[in-house]
Amino acid sequence: MTLGLCVILCKTMSRTWLWHRYVISCKTIARLSASQCDPM
């Protein structure tokens, strides 16, 4: 999974969740899955 794909998924989730929840969740997901999204 590329970092770009993770960003796209984050933006897609923003359409489903409330904005503030999206921001918090997106940042949390990015931290937890950073190694999976960007192995570098």
N, C-alpha and C. Protein backbone atom coordinates (compact mmCIF):
# COMPACT_ATOMS: atom_id res chain seq x y z
N MET A 1 0.85 -1.20 0.00
CA MET A 1 0.00 0.00 0.00
C MET A 1 0.88 1.24 0.00
N THR A 2 0.61 2.13 -0.92
CA THR A 2 1.43 3.34 -1.02
C THR A 2 0.86 4.46 -0.16
N LEU A 3 1.70 5.42 0.15
CA LEU A 3 1.25 6.56 0.96
C LEU A 3 0.14 7.32 0.24
N GLY A 4 0.27 7.42 -1.07
CA GLY A 4 -0.74 8.12 -1.86
C GLY A 4 -2.11 7.46 -1.73
N LEU A 5 -2.12 6.12 -1.73
CA LEU A 5 -3.39 5.40 -1.59
C LEU A 5 -3.99 5.67 -0.22
N CYS A 6 -3.16 5.73 0.81
CA CYS A 6 -3.64 6.01 2.16
C CYS A 6 -4.29 7.39 2.21
N VAL A 7 -3.67 8.34 1.54
CA VAL A 7 -4.22 9.70 1.51
C VAL A 7 -5.58 9.70 0.83
N ILE A 8 -5.70 8.95 -0.27
CA ILE A 8 -6.97 8.87 -0.99
C ILE A 8 -8.04 8.25 -0.09
N LEU A 9 -7.66 7.20 0.63
CA LEU A 9 -8.62 6.55 1.53
C LEU A 9 -9.04 7.52 2.62
N CYS A 10 -8.10 8.29 3.14
CA CYS A 10 -8.40 9.27 4.18
C CYS A 10 -9.41 10.29 3.66
N LYS A 11 -9.18 10.78 2.47
CA LYS A 11 -10.08 11.79 1.89
C LYS A 11 -11.45 11.18 1.63
N THR A 12 -11.48 9.91 1.22
CA THR A 12 -12.75 9.25 0.97
C THR A 12 -13.54 9.09 2.27
N MET A 13 -12.84 8.76 3.35
CA MET A 13 -13.50 8.59 4.64
C MET A 13 -14.11 9.90 5.12
N SER A 14 -13.52 11.02 4.71
CA SER A 14 -14.02 12.33 5.15
C SER A 14 -15.45 12.55 4.68
N ARG A 15 -15.83 11.87 3.62
CA ARG A 15 -17.19 12.02 3.09
C ARG A 15 -18.20 11.26 3.95
N THR A 16 -17.71 10.26 4.68
CA THR A 16 -18.59 9.42 5.49
C THR A 16 -18.67 9.92 6.92
N TRP A 17 -17.54 10.34 7.47
CA TRP A 17 -17.50 10.76 8.87
C TRP A 17 -17.63 12.27 8.99
N LEU A 18 -17.97 12.72 10.20
CA LEU A 18 -17.98 14.16 10.45
C LEU A 18 -16.56 14.68 10.31
N TRP A 19 -16.43 15.95 9.97
CA TRP A 19 -15.12 16.50 9.63
C TRP A 19 -14.12 16.35 10.76
N HIS A 20 -14.49 16.71 11.98
CA HIS A 20 -13.52 16.63 13.08
C HIS A 20 -13.14 15.19 13.37
N ARG A 21 -14.09 14.28 13.23
CA ARG A 21 -13.77 12.86 13.45
C ARG A 21 -12.82 12.38 12.37
N TYR A 22 -13.03 12.84 11.16
CA TYR A 22 -12.17 12.45 10.04
C TYR A 22 -10.74 12.88 10.28
N VAL A 23 -10.57 14.11 10.72
CA VAL A 23 -9.22 14.63 10.94
C VAL A 23 -8.50 13.82 12.02
N ILE A 24 -9.16 13.61 13.15
CA ILE A 24 -8.55 12.85 14.25
C ILE A 24 -8.26 11.42 13.81
N SER A 25 -9.24 10.79 13.17
CA SER A 25 -9.07 9.40 12.75
C SER A 25 -7.99 9.27 11.68
N CYS A 26 -7.97 10.21 10.76
CA CYS A 26 -6.99 10.16 9.68
C CYS A 26 -5.59 10.25 10.24
N LYS A 27 -5.38 11.16 11.18
CA LYS A 27 -4.06 11.30 11.79
C LYS A 27 -3.68 10.05 12.56
N THR A 28 -4.66 9.47 13.27
CA THR A 28 -4.39 8.26 14.05
C THR A 28 -4.05 7.10 13.13
N ILE A 29 -4.83 6.93 12.07
CA ILE A 29 -4.59 5.85 11.11
C ILE A 29 -3.22 6.03 10.46
N ALA A 30 -2.89 7.26 10.13
CA ALA A 30 -1.61 7.54 9.48
C ALA A 30 -0.45 7.13 10.37
N ARG A 31 -0.58 7.39 11.67
CA ARG A 31 0.49 7.03 12.61
C ARG A 31 0.57 5.52 12.80
N LEU A 32 -0.58 4.88 12.96
CA LEU A 32 -0.60 3.44 13.23
C LEU A 32 -0.17 2.62 12.02
N SER A 33 -0.52 3.08 10.83
CA SER A 33 -0.22 2.31 9.62
C SER A 33 0.88 2.94 8.78
N ALA A 34 1.66 3.83 9.37
CA ALA A 34 2.71 4.52 8.62
C ALA A 34 3.67 3.52 7.99
N SER A 35 4.04 2.48 8.72
CA SER A 35 4.99 1.50 8.20
C SER A 35 4.39 0.72 7.03
N GLN A 36 3.07 0.53 7.04
CA GLN A 36 2.42 -0.21 5.96
C GLN A 36 2.23 0.67 4.74
N CYS A 37 1.94 1.95 4.98
CA CYS A 37 1.69 2.86 3.87
C CYS A 37 2.99 3.30 3.21
N ASP A 38 4.01 3.51 4.03
CA ASP A 38 5.28 4.00 3.50
C ASP A 38 6.44 3.24 4.14
N PRO A 39 6.83 2.10 3.57
CA PRO A 39 7.90 1.26 4.13
C PRO A 39 9.23 1.98 4.25
N MET A 40 9.40 3.07 3.50
CA MET A 40 10.64 3.84 3.59
C MET A 40 10.67 4.55 4.93
